Structure formats: structure tokens, C-alpha cells
């Protein structure tokens, strides 16, 4: 297990390097710059700003310096938030995005696995068709469309919940953004669980368990659920990273002070280091969660060996 883990971590280095290189040079290739304001700056002032941030150095030197900073855990200074570094901004927004995303993925996992399992047990019946219809609806409607609908119904008409704001993470403020983030994931997980569960329920070891007189609940929980979750676990790696880093649109709609807010502002203001810091941080999360998914396979499927 240790050798496998080290191998995976080493193999992630080239992937991360390519991600950093592509993000760095694409940001520099795009037109405009971090000091292009509505009112043009005098050339000498703009030259002084570029020199202060060392943007007048050759690109290869800027890239090498940026790589060195990442190795030290430093994503560089923000060009727009002058009193903060990118690392400080990510550290400010990530706990909020983590709490919001973790709640959404937990809700999606519980509801999605339950709904998918029920649909598999009731295959080709009314329950199955209802679950799959709702799942297709959840996949088809983007969360940036569902979020205003939730606000219109539960915040404006019914007045049960606030329409936005974080409120220091109060439960009332979390309900709508969590549901908006979780709905597409519930749909995907339900469909994955249904397909995998149907295949597992047709396996020989399930027939043996039925022949031994075990109840449907015991067969489902003790024998069928773990192998049926393998495709779901594979999906959860990138999905969890995507949800935890926060949907940019959802955080903007509900006024949630997570990473998404900084990413949007950085993109609008051409804040090179802030956008790149969020992209690289997001890439690291994807690699980390995919690594955890691989390790989880050994627990879910005893046939998987890491040697």
C-alpha cells in the first residue's frame, strides 16, 4: 500500500506541472492585463507597477519564479486585493466552500444512493420510472437555473428561508445553496447506483444469498451495497473536488463568500495570480480526491490489491 501510494503521488507531479504551465501561459496569452482599468494609467505609472510585480521579466523567468513559490506554498501576491496574498485569500474562502460543498456532497450521497437502490429493487416499475425521470430532470436543468427557482419559491413566495447571504454559516442560510449544489449530484449518483445495483443483484453470490433465505434488506446492506458503490466512488473523486471548491455561479447567486467569489473577481480584473492560484488549488484537490478514491477501492472490493 505504501509503495503504491508513493507511486501515485510521484506520478501526479507531471500532471500538476502541465496544469500549472497551461494555466500560466494561457493567462499571459489572453489580451488585457491586471492594470487595465476603465481610465488608462500614464505609461510611466503602469511601467512602475509592472516592475514592482516583476511582470516585465521574461516569461520563462516569471514561470520559474512562480513554480518556486508554489513549492513553498506561496501563490504570489494578488494584483487587485493589494493587502492580501493569494494564499491568504484561498485560506479565507476555502473553509466556507468546504463546509458548503461537503454538506452538498453528503446530501447527494445519502439521497442518491437510497433513490438508486430503490429504483434497482423496483426495476421497470412505477417507482423506477419516477426516480429515473426525476434524475434526468436534475441532470438536464443546470443549477444556475434551479437556484433562482428555489429562491423564488422558498425565499420570496413562502418566506421560509433567506434569499442569500452566509450569516456565519447559519443553517437557514445554508439550506438553499446546499440543495442547489446537491441536486445535479443526486441525479448522477442515483443513476450510477441504479445501474450498478442492477448488475450486482444479478450476480451469482446474490443468488446464493437469496437461496440461503436472507432477507432483501440483509442482502442489500451486507452483500450488494459495497460492490455497487464502486462506480459511485469513482465519480465522487472529481465531483467532491468540484463541489467543495464551490460552484462559481451558486456562490455568486447566494452571496456566499467562498473561493468562487475570488475566482470571478480575479477573472474579471485579470488578476493573474488569483485566478491561477484557484485553478492550481482546484487541480490539487482533484488529484488528492482521486487518490483517496483509489485507496477506497480496496475497502469496497477485496479483489483489488495494491502490490
C-alpha atoms as a PDB file:
ATOM      1  CA  UNK A   1       0.000   0.000   0.000  1.00  0.00           C
ATOM      2  CA  UNK A   2       2.811   2.423   0.911  1.00  0.00           C
ATOM      3  CA  UNK A   3       4.691   1.760  -2.339  1.00  0.00           C
ATOM      4  CA  UNK A   4       1.504   2.221  -4.333  1.00  0.00           C
ATOM      5  CA  UNK A   5       0.731   5.483  -2.543  1.00  0.00           C
ATOM      6  CA  UNK A   6       4.218   6.852  -3.198  1.00  0.00           C
ATOM      7  CA  UNK A   7       3.999   5.817  -6.856  1.00  0.00           C
ATOM      8  CA  UNK A   8       0.679   7.621  -7.277  1.00  0.00           C
ATOM      9  CA  UNK A   9       1.981  10.755  -5.604  1.00  0.00           C
ATOM     10  CA  UNK A  10       5.081  10.806  -7.808  1.00  0.00           C
ATOM     11  CA  UNK A  11       3.014  10.227 -10.956  1.00  0.00           C
ATOM     12  CA  UNK A  12       0.815  13.217 -10.021  1.00  0.00           C
ATOM     13  CA  UNK A  13       3.766  15.622 -10.276  1.00  0.00           C
ATOM     14  CA  UNK A  14       3.888  15.719 -14.141  1.00  0.00           C
ATOM     15  CA  UNK A  15       0.098  16.200 -14.262  1.00  0.00           C
ATOM     16  CA  UNK A  16       0.282  19.117 -11.864  1.00  0.00           C
ATOM     17  CA  UNK A  17       3.229  20.620 -13.753  1.00  0.00           C
ATOM     18  CA  UNK A  18       1.308  20.521 -17.054  1.00  0.00           C
ATOM     19  CA  UNK A  19      -1.728  22.102 -15.361  1.00  0.00           C
ATOM     20  CA  UNK A  20       0.381  24.935 -13.946  1.00  0.00           C
ATOM     21  CA  UNK A  21       2.167  25.527 -17.260  1.00  0.00           C
ATOM     22  CA  UNK A  22      -1.028  25.605 -19.319  1.00  0.00           C
ATOM     23  CA  UNK A  23      -2.804  27.922 -16.863  1.00  0.00           C
ATOM     24  CA  UNK A  24       0.217  30.240 -16.626  1.00  0.00           C
ATOM     25  CA  UNK A  25       0.809  30.723 -20.331  1.00  0.00           C
ATOM     26  CA  UNK A  26      -2.893  30.892 -21.229  1.00  0.00           C
ATOM     27  CA  UNK A  27      -3.400  33.684 -18.708  1.00  0.00           C
ATOM     28  CA  UNK A  28      -0.452  35.588 -20.166  1.00  0.00           C
ATOM     29  CA  UNK A  29      -1.622  34.995 -23.757  1.00  0.00           C
ATOM     30  CA  UNK A  30      -5.099  36.456 -23.152  1.00  0.00           C
ATOM     31  CA  UNK A  31      -5.499  40.131 -24.123  1.00  0.00           C
ATOM     32  CA  UNK A  32      -5.508  42.765 -21.407  1.00  0.00           C
ATOM     33  CA  UNK A  33      -3.713  42.907 -18.088  1.00  0.00           C
ATOM     34  CA  UNK A  34      -4.246  43.382 -14.347  1.00  0.00           C
ATOM     35  CA  UNK A  35      -3.697  47.155 -14.606  1.00  0.00           C
ATOM     36  CA  UNK A  36      -6.086  47.807 -17.496  1.00  0.00           C
ATOM     37  CA  UNK A  37      -8.613  49.985 -15.699  1.00  0.00           C
ATOM     38  CA  UNK A  38     -11.531  51.984 -17.086  1.00  0.00           C
ATOM     39  CA  UNK A  39      -9.247  55.036 -17.052  1.00  0.00           C
ATOM     40  CA  UNK A  40      -5.871  54.358 -18.650  1.00  0.00           C
ATOM     41  CA  UNK A  41      -2.839  54.854 -16.448  1.00  0.00           C
ATOM     42  CA  UNK A  42       0.062  57.027 -17.584  1.00  0.00           C
ATOM     43  CA  UNK A  43       2.726  54.841 -19.229  1.00  0.00           C
ATOM     44  CA  UNK A  44       5.349  55.585 -16.564  1.00  0.00           C
ATOM     45  CA  UNK A  45       2.998  54.597 -13.719  1.00  0.00           C
ATOM     46  CA  UNK A  46       1.982  51.379 -15.456  1.00  0.00           C
ATOM     47  CA  UNK A  47       5.657  50.609 -16.105  1.00  0.00           C
ATOM     48  CA  UNK A  48       6.416  51.144 -12.412  1.00  0.00           C
ATOM     49  CA  UNK A  49       3.558  48.813 -11.424  1.00  0.00           C
ATOM     50  CA  UNK A  50       4.733  46.107 -13.805  1.00  0.00           C
ATOM     51  CA  UNK A  51       8.256  46.459 -12.472  1.00  0.00           C
ATOM     52  CA  UNK A  52       7.027  46.278  -8.860  1.00  0.00           C
ATOM     53  CA  UNK A  53       5.253  42.991  -9.572  1.00  0.00           C
ATOM     54  CA  UNK A  54       8.129  41.867 -11.833  1.00  0.00           C
ATOM     55  CA  UNK A  55       5.828  41.449 -14.820  1.00  0.00           C
ATOM     56  CA  UNK A  56       8.420  42.982 -17.102  1.00  0.00           C
ATOM     57  CA  UNK A  57      10.726  39.973 -16.680  1.00  0.00           C
ATOM     58  CA  UNK A  58      10.886  37.337 -19.448  1.00  0.00           C
ATOM     59  CA  UNK A  59       8.040  34.828 -19.326  1.00  0.00           C
ATOM     60  CA  UNK A  60      10.326  31.872 -18.635  1.00  0.00           C
ATOM     61  CA  UNK A  61      11.737  33.670 -15.604  1.00  0.00           C
ATOM     62  CA  UNK A  62       8.269  34.558 -14.311  1.00  0.00           C
ATOM     63  CA  UNK A  63       7.216  30.925 -14.741  1.00  0.00           C
ATOM     64  CA  UNK A  64      10.283  29.604 -12.917  1.00  0.00           C
ATOM     65  CA  UNK A  65       9.698  32.072 -10.085  1.00  0.00           C
ATOM     66  CA  UNK A  66       6.045  31.035  -9.867  1.00  0.00           C
ATOM     67  CA  UNK A  67       6.986  27.346  -9.661  1.00  0.00           C
ATOM     68  CA  UNK A  68       9.425  28.121  -6.884  1.00  0.00           C
ATOM     69  CA  UNK A  69       6.726  29.960  -4.981  1.00  0.00           C
ATOM     70  CA  UNK A  70       4.276  27.057  -5.290  1.00  0.00           C
ATOM     71  CA  UNK A  71       6.890  24.689  -3.866  1.00  0.00           C
ATOM     72  CA  UNK A  72       6.997  26.963  -0.810  1.00  0.00           C
ATOM     73  CA  UNK A  73       3.187  27.132  -0.622  1.00  0.00           C
ATOM     74  CA  UNK A  74       3.166  30.724  -1.900  1.00  0.00           C
ATOM     75  CA  UNK A  75       0.821  31.533  -4.808  1.00  0.00           C
ATOM     76  CA  UNK A  76       2.101  35.079  -5.022  1.00  0.00           C
ATOM     77  CA  UNK A  77       0.508  38.475  -4.307  1.00  0.00           C
ATOM     78  CA  UNK A  78      -2.917  39.433  -5.567  1.00  0.00           C
ATOM     79  CA  UNK A  79      -2.883  42.295  -8.064  1.00  0.00           C
ATOM     80  CA  UNK A  80      -6.332  43.578  -7.079  1.00  0.00           C
ATOM     81  CA  UNK A  81      -6.538  42.749  -3.357  1.00  0.00           C
ATOM     82  CA  UNK A  82      -3.371  44.722  -2.616  1.00  0.00           C
ATOM     83  CA  UNK A  83      -3.164  43.889   1.106  1.00  0.00           C
ATOM     84  CA  UNK A  84      -3.518  40.125   0.657  1.00  0.00           C
ATOM     85  CA  UNK A  85      -1.614  37.260  -0.886  1.00  0.00           C
ATOM     86  CA  UNK A  86      -3.432  34.656  -2.981  1.00  0.00           C
ATOM     87  CA  UNK A  87      -2.691  32.053  -0.306  1.00  0.00           C
ATOM     88  CA  UNK A  88      -4.460  34.218   2.297  1.00  0.00           C
ATOM     89  CA  UNK A  89      -7.476  34.719   0.033  1.00  0.00           C
ATOM     90  CA  UNK A  90      -7.782  30.969  -0.618  1.00  0.00           C
ATOM     91  CA  UNK A  91      -7.418  30.293   3.105  1.00  0.00           C
ATOM     92  CA  UNK A  92     -10.250  32.772   3.723  1.00  0.00           C
ATOM     93  CA  UNK A  93     -12.653  31.348   1.143  1.00  0.00           C
ATOM     94  CA  UNK A  94     -11.873  27.637   1.312  1.00  0.00           C
ATOM     95  CA  UNK A  95     -13.428  26.886   4.758  1.00  0.00           C
ATOM     96  CA  UNK A  96     -16.714  28.364   3.536  1.00  0.00           C
ATOM     97  CA  UNK A  97     -16.603  26.420   0.256  1.00  0.00           C
ATOM     98  CA  UNK A  98     -15.546  23.284   2.149  1.00  0.00           C
ATOM     99  CA  UNK A  99     -18.499  23.451   4.525  1.00  0.00           C
ATOM    100  CA  UNK A 100     -20.945  24.214   1.740  1.00  0.00           C
ATOM    101  CA  UNK A 101     -19.559  21.582  -0.639  1.00  0.00           C
ATOM    102  CA  UNK A 102     -19.167  18.849   1.978  1.00  0.00           C
ATOM    103  CA  UNK A 103     -22.784  19.334   3.064  1.00  0.00           C
ATOM    104  CA  UNK A 104     -23.947  19.176  -0.564  1.00  0.00           C
ATOM    105  CA  UNK A 105     -21.973  16.038  -1.413  1.00  0.00           C
ATOM    106  CA  UNK A 106     -23.117  14.294   1.790  1.00  0.00           C
ATOM    107  CA  UNK A 107     -26.749  15.114   0.995  1.00  0.00           C
ATOM    108  CA  UNK A 108     -26.285  13.949  -2.593  1.00  0.00           C
ATOM    109  CA  UNK A 109     -24.665  10.697  -1.486  1.00  0.00           C
ATOM    110  CA  UNK A 110     -27.377   9.788   1.021  1.00  0.00           C
ATOM    111  CA  UNK A 111     -30.339  10.649  -1.219  1.00  0.00           C
ATOM    112  CA  UNK A 112     -28.735   9.472  -4.477  1.00  0.00           C
ATOM    113  CA  UNK A 113     -27.651   6.043  -3.195  1.00  0.00           C
ATOM    114  CA  UNK A 114     -31.004   5.497  -1.480  1.00  0.00           C
ATOM    115  CA  UNK A 115     -33.026   6.501  -4.536  1.00  0.00           C
ATOM    116  CA  UNK A 116     -30.819   4.470  -6.897  1.00  0.00           C
ATOM    117  CA  UNK A 117     -31.056   1.367  -4.718  1.00  0.00           C
ATOM    118  CA  UNK A 118     -34.842   1.630  -4.510  1.00  0.00           C
ATOM    119  CA  UNK A 119     -35.057   2.063  -8.283  1.00  0.00           C
ATOM    120  CA  UNK A 120     -32.885  -1.038  -8.816  1.00  0.00           C
ATOM    121  CA  UNK A 121     -35.046  -3.138  -6.491  1.00  0.00           C
ATOM    122  CA  UNK A 122     -38.191  -1.916  -8.310  1.00  0.00           C
ATOM    123  CA  UNK A 123     -36.715  -2.218 -11.796  1.00  0.00           C
ATOM    124  CA  UNK A 124     -39.123  -1.346 -14.642  1.00  0.00           C
ATOM    125  CA  UNK A 125     -41.889  -0.489 -12.187  1.00  0.00           C
ATOM    126  CA  UNK A 126     -43.509   2.853 -11.474  1.00  0.00           C
ATOM    127  CA  UNK A 127     -41.029   3.688  -8.705  1.00  0.00           C
ATOM    128  CA  UNK A 128     -38.100   3.038 -11.025  1.00  0.00           C
ATOM    129  CA  UNK A 129     -39.556   5.237 -13.765  1.00  0.00           C
ATOM    130  CA  UNK A 130     -40.282   8.061 -11.308  1.00  0.00           C
ATOM    131  CA  UNK A 131     -36.742   8.016  -9.880  1.00  0.00           C
ATOM    132  CA  UNK A 132     -35.142   7.980 -13.318  1.00  0.00           C
ATOM    133  CA  UNK A 133     -37.430  10.738 -14.604  1.00  0.00           C
ATOM    134  CA  UNK A 134     -36.565  12.955 -11.653  1.00  0.00           C
ATOM    135  CA  UNK A 135     -32.873  12.129 -12.151  1.00  0.00           C
ATOM    136  CA  UNK A 136     -32.967  13.091 -15.809  1.00  0.00           C
ATOM    137  CA  UNK A 137     -34.682  16.335 -14.846  1.00  0.00           C
ATOM    138  CA  UNK A 138     -31.982  17.049 -12.282  1.00  0.00           C
ATOM    139  CA  UNK A 139     -29.261  16.422 -14.864  1.00  0.00           C
ATOM    140  CA  UNK A 140     -30.980  18.469 -17.577  1.00  0.00           C
ATOM    141  CA  UNK A 141     -31.674  21.604 -15.508  1.00  0.00           C
ATOM    142  CA  UNK A 142     -28.439  23.467 -14.608  1.00  0.00           C
ATOM    143  CA  UNK A 143     -28.029  24.554 -11.007  1.00  0.00           C
ATOM    144  CA  UNK A 144     -27.797  28.217 -12.075  1.00  0.00           C
ATOM    145  CA  UNK A 145     -31.399  27.813 -13.327  1.00  0.00           C
ATOM    146  CA  UNK A 146     -32.561  25.831 -10.298  1.00  0.00           C
ATOM    147  CA  UNK A 147     -31.058  28.299  -7.791  1.00  0.00           C
ATOM    148  CA  UNK A 148     -33.289  31.281  -8.782  1.00  0.00           C
ATOM    149  CA  UNK A 149     -36.315  28.961  -8.797  1.00  0.00           C
ATOM    150  CA  UNK A 150     -35.517  27.857  -5.239  1.00  0.00           C
ATOM    151  CA  UNK A 151     -35.112  31.491  -4.189  1.00  0.00           C
ATOM    152  CA  UNK A 152     -38.402  32.450  -5.872  1.00  0.00           C
ATOM    153  CA  UNK A 153     -40.359  29.642  -4.193  1.00  0.00           C
ATOM    154  CA  UNK A 154     -38.838  29.294  -0.722  1.00  0.00           C
ATOM    155  CA  UNK A 155     -37.486  32.799  -0.094  1.00  0.00           C
ATOM    156  CA  UNK A 156     -39.832  35.180  -1.903  1.00  0.00           C
ATOM    157  CA  UNK A 157     -43.222  33.438  -2.021  1.00  0.00           C
ATOM    158  CA  UNK A 158     -43.130  31.168   1.044  1.00  0.00           C
ATOM    159  CA  UNK A 159     -40.606  33.278   3.005  1.00  0.00           C
ATOM    160  CA  UNK A 160     -39.268  30.233   4.800  1.00  0.00           C
ATOM    161  CA  UNK A 161     -35.593  30.851   4.093  1.00  0.00           C
ATOM    162  CA  UNK A 162     -33.313  33.808   3.314  1.00  0.00           C
ATOM    163  CA  UNK A 163     -32.644  34.522  -0.341  1.00  0.00           C
ATOM    164  CA  UNK A 164     -28.908  34.922   0.140  1.00  0.00           C
ATOM    165  CA  UNK A 165     -26.054  35.746   2.451  1.00  0.00           C
ATOM    166  CA  UNK A 166     -23.907  33.458   4.549  1.00  0.00           C
ATOM    167  CA  UNK A 167     -24.803  34.548   8.083  1.00  0.00           C
ATOM    168  CA  UNK A 168     -21.639  32.970   9.536  1.00  0.00           C
ATOM    169  CA  UNK A 169     -22.749  29.586   8.256  1.00  0.00           C
ATOM    170  CA  UNK A 170     -26.192  29.557   9.875  1.00  0.00           C
ATOM    171  CA  UNK A 171     -28.321  26.547   8.903  1.00  0.00           C
ATOM    172  CA  UNK A 172     -31.081  28.720   7.404  1.00  0.00           C
ATOM    173  CA  UNK A 173     -28.575  30.385   5.084  1.00  0.00           C
ATOM    174  CA  UNK A 174     -27.047  27.070   4.006  1.00  0.00           C
ATOM    175  CA  UNK A 175     -30.218  25.211   3.030  1.00  0.00           C
ATOM    176  CA  UNK A 176     -30.878  26.724  -0.415  1.00  0.00           C
ATOM    177  CA  UNK A 177     -27.260  26.825  -1.707  1.00  0.00           C
ATOM    178  CA  UNK A 178     -26.640  23.287  -0.464  1.00  0.00           C
ATOM    179  CA  UNK A 179     -29.769  21.985  -2.207  1.00  0.00           C
ATOM    180  CA  UNK A 180     -28.900  23.868  -5.413  1.00  0.00           C
ATOM    181  CA  UNK A 181     -25.396  22.365  -5.384  1.00  0.00           C
ATOM    182  CA  UNK A 182     -26.586  18.875  -4.465  1.00  0.00           C
ATOM    183  CA  UNK A 183     -29.443  18.407  -6.958  1.00  0.00           C
ATOM    184  CA  UNK A 184     -27.324  17.587 -10.052  1.00  0.00           C
ATOM    185  CA  UNK A 185     -25.089  15.295  -7.970  1.00  0.00           C
ATOM    186  CA  UNK A 186     -28.142  13.480  -6.563  1.00  0.00           C
ATOM    187  CA  UNK A 187     -29.300  12.785 -10.109  1.00  0.00           C
ATOM    188  CA  UNK A 188     -25.925  11.439 -11.280  1.00  0.00           C
ATOM    189  CA  UNK A 189     -25.398   9.303  -8.169  1.00  0.00           C
ATOM    190  CA  UNK A 190     -28.920   7.858  -8.372  1.00  0.00           C
ATOM    191  CA  UNK A 191     -28.407   6.772 -11.989  1.00  0.00           C
ATOM    192  CA  UNK A 192     -24.967   5.316 -11.291  1.00  0.00           C
ATOM    193  CA  UNK A 193     -26.226   3.440  -8.225  1.00  0.00           C
ATOM    194  CA  UNK A 194     -29.231   2.040 -10.083  1.00  0.00           C
ATOM    195  CA  UNK A 195     -27.188   0.675 -12.987  1.00  0.00           C
ATOM    196  CA  UNK A 196     -24.500  -0.800 -10.765  1.00  0.00           C
ATOM    197  CA  UNK A 197     -27.002  -2.242  -8.278  1.00  0.00           C
ATOM    198  CA  UNK A 198     -28.973  -4.000 -11.033  1.00  0.00           C
ATOM    199  CA  UNK A 199     -25.780  -5.652 -12.256  1.00  0.00           C
ATOM    200  CA  UNK A 200     -24.757  -6.713  -8.750  1.00  0.00           C
ATOM    201  CA  UNK A 201     -28.220  -8.104  -7.912  1.00  0.00           C
ATOM    202  CA  UNK A 202     -27.881 -10.442 -10.907  1.00  0.00           C
ATOM    203  CA  UNK A 203     -24.575 -11.850  -9.647  1.00  0.00           C
ATOM    204  CA  UNK A 204     -24.122 -15.425  -8.524  1.00  0.00           C
ATOM    205  CA  UNK A 205     -23.232 -14.551  -4.927  1.00  0.00           C
ATOM    206  CA  UNK A 206     -26.526 -12.654  -4.596  1.00  0.00           C
ATOM    207  CA  UNK A 207     -28.430 -15.702  -5.868  1.00  0.00           C
ATOM    208  CA  UNK A 208     -26.598 -17.777  -3.251  1.00  0.00           C
ATOM    209  CA  UNK A 209     -27.575 -15.318  -0.520  1.00  0.00           C
ATOM    210  CA  UNK A 210     -31.214 -15.487  -1.647  1.00  0.00           C
ATOM    211  CA  UNK A 211     -31.070 -19.289  -1.636  1.00  0.00           C
ATOM    212  CA  UNK A 212     -29.879 -19.181   1.975  1.00  0.00           C
ATOM    213  CA  UNK A 213     -33.070 -17.359   2.912  1.00  0.00           C
ATOM    214  CA  UNK A 214     -31.599 -13.936   3.689  1.00  0.00           C
ATOM    215  CA  UNK A 215     -33.992 -11.010   3.645  1.00  0.00           C
ATOM    216  CA  UNK A 216     -33.876  -8.390   0.897  1.00  0.00           C
ATOM    217  CA  UNK A 217     -32.631  -5.772   3.377  1.00  0.00           C
ATOM    218  CA  UNK A 218     -29.803  -8.004   4.590  1.00  0.00           C
ATOM    219  CA  UNK A 219     -28.781  -8.862   1.025  1.00  0.00           C
ATOM    220  CA  UNK A 220     -28.804  -5.224   0.017  1.00  0.00           C
ATOM    221  CA  UNK A 221     -26.880  -3.848   3.002  1.00  0.00           C
ATOM    222  CA  UNK A 222     -24.436  -6.679   3.687  1.00  0.00           C
ATOM    223  CA  UNK A 223     -23.695  -8.043   0.217  1.00  0.00           C
ATOM    224  CA  UNK A 224     -24.846  -5.825  -2.647  1.00  0.00           C
ATOM    225  CA  UNK A 225     -24.209  -2.264  -1.482  1.00  0.00           C
ATOM    226  CA  UNK A 226     -20.413  -2.255  -1.267  1.00  0.00           C
ATOM    227  CA  UNK A 227     -19.687  -3.627  -4.769  1.00  0.00           C
ATOM    228  CA  UNK A 228     -22.492  -1.486  -6.208  1.00  0.00           C
ATOM    229  CA  UNK A 229     -20.833   1.641  -4.840  1.00  0.00           C
ATOM    230  CA  UNK A 230     -17.641   1.210  -6.901  1.00  0.00           C
ATOM    231  CA  UNK A 231     -18.819   3.375  -9.853  1.00  0.00           C
ATOM    232  CA  UNK A 232     -20.221   5.915  -7.398  1.00  0.00           C
ATOM    233  CA  UNK A 233     -16.890   6.162  -5.582  1.00  0.00           C
ATOM    234  CA  UNK A 234     -15.108   6.679  -8.912  1.00  0.00           C
ATOM    235  CA  UNK A 235     -17.465   9.545  -9.680  1.00  0.00           C
ATOM    236  CA  UNK A 236     -17.167  11.045  -6.196  1.00  0.00           C
ATOM    237  CA  UNK A 237     -13.470  11.864  -6.624  1.00  0.00           C
ATOM    238  CA  UNK A 238     -13.724  14.724  -9.138  1.00  0.00           C
ATOM    239  CA  UNK A 239     -17.320  15.510  -8.119  1.00  0.00           C
ATOM    240  CA  UNK A 240     -16.350  16.141  -4.499  1.00  0.00           C
ATOM    241  CA  UNK A 241     -13.452  18.365  -5.519  1.00  0.00           C
ATOM    242  CA  UNK A 242     -15.709  20.317  -7.875  1.00  0.00           C
ATOM    243  CA  UNK A 243     -18.464  20.800  -5.298  1.00  0.00           C
ATOM    244  CA  UNK A 244     -16.154  21.598  -2.366  1.00  0.00           C
ATOM    245  CA  UNK A 245     -14.257  24.250  -4.270  1.00  0.00           C
ATOM    246  CA  UNK A 246     -17.675  25.779  -4.745  1.00  0.00           C
ATOM    247  CA  UNK A 247     -19.804  26.349  -7.770  1.00  0.00           C
ATOM    248  CA  UNK A 248     -18.855  29.794  -9.006  1.00  0.00           C
ATOM    249  CA  UNK A 249     -22.397  30.598 -10.091  1.00  0.00           C
ATOM    250  CA  UNK A 250     -24.062  29.291  -6.920  1.00  0.00           C
ATOM    251  CA  UNK A 251     -21.751  31.262  -4.664  1.00  0.00           C
ATOM    252  CA  UNK A 252     -22.406  34.398  -6.707  1.00  0.00           C
ATOM    253  CA  UNK A 253     -26.187  33.908  -6.708  1.00  0.00           C
ATOM    254  CA  UNK A 254     -26.449  33.348  -2.957  1.00  0.00           C
ATOM    255  CA  UNK A 255     -23.684  35.759  -1.944  1.00  0.00           C
ATOM    256  CA  UNK A 256     -21.565  33.043  -0.353  1.00  0.00           C
ATOM    257  CA  UNK A 257     -18.024  34.276   0.481  1.00  0.00           C
ATOM    258  CA  UNK A 258     -16.213  31.203  -0.845  1.00  0.00           C
ATOM    259  CA  UNK A 259     -13.452  30.592  -3.372  1.00  0.00           C
ATOM    260  CA  UNK A 260     -15.867  31.133  -6.252  1.00  0.00           C
ATOM    261  CA  UNK A 261     -16.239  34.815  -5.393  1.00  0.00           C
ATOM    262  CA  UNK A 262     -12.479  35.369  -5.614  1.00  0.00           C
ATOM    263  CA  UNK A 263     -12.244  33.390  -8.837  1.00  0.00           C
ATOM    264  CA  UNK A 264     -14.921  35.510 -10.528  1.00  0.00           C
ATOM    265  CA  UNK A 265     -13.429  38.785  -9.337  1.00  0.00           C
ATOM    266  CA  UNK A 266      -9.961  37.636 -10.346  1.00  0.00           C
ATOM    267  CA  UNK A 267     -11.137  36.696 -13.833  1.00  0.00           C
ATOM    268  CA  UNK A 268     -12.969  39.997 -14.310  1.00  0.00           C
ATOM    269  CA  UNK A 269      -9.996  42.042 -13.092  1.00  0.00           C
ATOM    270  CA  UNK A 270      -7.383  39.929 -14.885  1.00  0.00           C
ATOM    271  CA  UNK A 271      -5.763  39.119 -11.554  1.00  0.00           C
ATOM    272  CA  UNK A 272      -3.267  36.568 -12.917  1.00  0.00           C
ATOM    273  CA  UNK A 273      -2.054  35.155  -9.648  1.00  0.00           C
ATOM    274  CA  UNK A 274      -5.500  34.870  -8.046  1.00  0.00           C
ATOM    275  CA  UNK A 275      -7.043  33.007 -10.995  1.00  0.00           C
ATOM    276  CA  UNK A 276      -4.022  30.732 -11.292  1.00  0.00           C
ATOM    277  CA  UNK A 277      -3.956  30.089  -7.559  1.00  0.00           C
ATOM    278  CA  UNK A 278      -7.574  28.940  -7.576  1.00  0.00           C
ATOM    279  CA  UNK A 279      -7.018  26.785 -10.690  1.00  0.00           C
ATOM    280  CA  UNK A 280      -3.901  25.116  -9.245  1.00  0.00           C
ATOM    281  CA  UNK A 281      -5.582  24.611  -5.881  1.00  0.00           C
ATOM    282  CA  UNK A 282      -8.567  23.044  -7.649  1.00  0.00           C
ATOM    283  CA  UNK A 283      -6.213  20.725  -9.571  1.00  0.00           C
ATOM    284  CA  UNK A 284      -4.524  19.656  -6.355  1.00  0.00           C
ATOM    285  CA  UNK A 285      -7.898  18.814  -4.834  1.00  0.00           C
ATOM    286  CA  UNK A 286      -8.878  16.687  -7.832  1.00  0.00           C
ATOM    287  CA  UNK A 287      -5.607  14.747  -7.643  1.00  0.00           C
ATOM    288  CA  UNK A 288      -5.984  14.288  -3.881  1.00  0.00           C
ATOM    289  CA  UNK A 289      -9.586  13.066  -4.071  1.00  0.00           C
ATOM    290  CA  UNK A 290      -8.841  10.694  -6.949  1.00  0.00           C
ATOM    291  CA  UNK A 291      -6.006   9.282  -4.843  1.00  0.00           C
ATOM    292  CA  UNK A 292      -8.387   8.732  -1.912  1.00  0.00           C
ATOM    293  CA  UNK A 293     -10.870   7.075  -4.285  1.00  0.00           C
ATOM    294  CA  UNK A 294      -8.225   4.571  -5.390  1.00  0.00           C
ATOM    295  CA  UNK A 295      -7.472   3.715  -1.770  1.00  0.00           C
ATOM    296  CA  UNK A 296     -11.191   3.308  -1.033  1.00  0.00           C
ATOM    297  CA  UNK A 297     -11.450   0.639  -3.738  1.00  0.00           C
ATOM    298  CA  UNK A 298      -9.527  -1.846  -1.595  1.00  0.00           C
ATOM    299  CA  UNK A 299     -12.112  -1.484   1.174  1.00  0.00           C
ATOM    300  CA  UNK A 300     -15.099  -1.778  -1.156  1.00  0.00           C
ATOM    301  CA  UNK A 301     -13.739  -4.629  -3.294  1.00  0.00           C
ATOM    302  CA  UNK A 302     -11.469  -7.251  -1.626  1.00  0.00           C
ATOM    303  CA  UNK A 303     -10.330  -8.386  -5.088  1.00  0.00           C
ATOM    304  CA  UNK A 304      -8.469  -5.112  -5.551  1.00  0.00           C
ATOM    305  CA  UNK A 305      -4.850  -5.472  -4.433  1.00  0.00           C
ATOM    306  CA  UNK A 306      -2.184  -2.790  -4.291  1.00  0.00           C
ATOM    307  CA  UNK A 307       1.111  -4.521  -4.949  1.00  0.00           C
END
